[in-house]
Protein backbone atom coordinates (compact mmCIF):
# COMPACT_ATOMS: atom_id res chain seq x y z
CA MET A 1 -14.58 -7.82 8.54
CA LEU A 2 -12.61 -7.81 5.33
CA ALA A 3 -11.87 -4.48 3.10
CA ILE A 4 -10.18 -3.95 -0.49
CA ILE A 5 -8.48 -0.52 -0.60
CA ARG A 6 -6.26 1.20 -3.17
CA THR A 7 -3.21 3.20 -2.60
CA GLY A 8 0.06 3.99 -4.66
CA GLY A 9 -1.71 2.56 -8.05
CA LYS A 10 -1.93 -1.17 -6.06
CA GLN A 11 -5.06 -2.87 -4.45
CA TYR A 12 -4.88 -4.51 -0.98
CA LEU A 13 -7.31 -7.05 0.90
CA VAL A 14 -6.86 -5.96 4.65
CA THR A 15 -8.73 -6.82 7.81
CA GLU A 16 -8.68 -4.78 10.99
CA GLY A 17 -5.19 -5.54 13.21
CA GLU A 18 -3.06 -6.13 9.97
CA LYS A 19 -0.09 -4.59 9.36
CA LEU A 20 1.35 -4.24 5.82
CA LYS A 21 3.74 -1.98 3.60
CA ILE A 22 2.32 0.01 0.94
CA GLU A 23 3.76 2.67 -1.27
CA SER A 24 5.08 5.51 0.59
CA VAL A 25 2.55 8.18 1.84
CA GLU A 26 2.52 11.44 3.64
CA GLY A 27 2.99 11.59 7.42
CA GLU A 28 4.99 10.92 10.57
CA ALA A 29 4.94 7.65 12.76
CA GLY A 30 2.07 7.87 15.10
CA ALA A 31 -0.42 9.61 12.49
CA THR A 32 -3.79 8.43 11.22
CA VAL A 33 -4.06 8.09 7.30
CA THR A 34 -7.58 7.50 5.99
CA PHE A 35 -8.32 5.26 2.82
CA GLU A 36 -11.69 4.93 0.68
CA ALA A 37 -13.09 1.25 0.07
CA LEU A 38 -13.56 -0.37 -3.15
CA TYR A 39 -15.40 -3.46 -1.18
CA VAL A 40 -16.33 -4.14 2.17
CA GLY A 41 -17.63 -7.64 3.74
CA ASP A 42 -17.59 -10.23 5.99
CA GLY A 43 -18.10 -13.19 3.85
CA ALA A 44 -21.85 -13.56 3.97
CA GLU A 45 -22.52 -9.72 3.28
CA ALA A 46 -20.43 -8.04 0.62
CA THR A 47 -20.97 -4.54 -0.45
CA VAL A 48 -19.01 -3.59 -3.87
CA GLY A 49 -18.51 0.11 -5.00
CA THR A 50 -18.11 1.55 -8.28
CA PRO A 51 -15.36 2.37 -8.42
CA VAL A 52 -15.56 3.27 -4.52
CA LEU A 53 -17.83 3.05 -1.72
CA THR A 54 -19.66 6.07 -0.37
CA GLY A 55 -18.93 6.61 3.06
CA ALA A 56 -16.94 3.52 3.71
CA LYS A 57 -13.66 4.55 5.30
CA VAL A 58 -10.68 2.53 6.42
CA GLU A 59 -8.19 4.07 9.09
CA ALA A 60 -4.86 3.02 9.26
CA LYS A 61 -2.10 4.12 11.91
CA ILE A 62 1.48 4.81 10.49
CA LEU A 63 4.17 2.62 12.02
CA SER A 64 7.28 3.78 9.97
CA GLN A 65 8.70 5.52 6.92
CA ASP A 66 11.43 3.41 5.42
CA ARG A 67 13.06 1.94 2.42
CA HIS A 68 13.36 -1.61 1.01
CA ASP A 69 16.85 -3.47 0.26
CA LYS A 70 18.90 -2.38 -2.51
CA VAL A 71 17.69 -4.33 -5.84
CA PHE A 72 20.69 -3.93 -8.78
CA GLY A 73 20.14 -3.84 -12.37
CA ILE A 74 22.27 -3.81 -15.37
CA LYS A 75 22.21 -1.69 -18.53
CA TYR A 76 24.22 -3.28 -21.49
CA LYS A 77 24.69 -2.46 -25.12
CA PRO A 78 26.48 -5.40 -27.07
CA LYS A 79 29.27 -4.62 -29.28
CA LYS A 80 29.65 -0.97 -27.61
CA ARG A 81 31.48 -1.41 -24.73
CA TYR A 82 28.86 0.12 -22.76
CA LYS A 83 27.60 -1.68 -19.36
CA VAL A 84 26.13 0.43 -16.34
CA LYS A 85 25.47 -1.30 -13.09
CA PHE A 86 23.02 0.40 -10.71
CA GLY A 87 21.03 -0.02 -7.27
CA HIS A 88 17.57 1.26 -6.35
CA ARG A 89 15.83 1.10 -3.03
CA GLN A 90 12.28 1.80 -2.90
CA ALA A 91 10.56 3.60 0.20
CA PHE A 92 7.58 2.31 1.70
CA THR A 93 5.29 3.08 4.79
CA GLU A 94 4.39 0.55 7.30
CA VAL A 95 0.82 1.01 8.52
CA GLU A 96 -1.44 -0.88 11.10
CA ILE A 97 -5.28 -1.31 9.91
CA VAL A 98 -7.07 0.23 12.93
CA LYS A 99 -11.01 0.74 11.78
CA ILE A 100 -13.07 -0.37 8.94
CA SER A 101 -16.37 1.43 8.80
CA LYS A 102 -19.21 0.69 6.22
């Protein structure tokens, strides 16, 4: 069974047993988090919400809270002797989809 969930301003197509990295959500490792489903289907039958399906839930277990590798950026203004290098590490939560219910 497939479902589309929305979290952190992004949408993810998920199946049961799938592991994915999403924007950071509250919770410790081992805790359960619930998402609302925008779409639930298995190919033959499909149900689409406007925008979310009432009663359809996707349960996921939090595996870890971590941060991605560092990404570097540069600010530069020509002819002004201004150049700044900076780094950023985005936080993420790794979850495993446990159950998709209509």
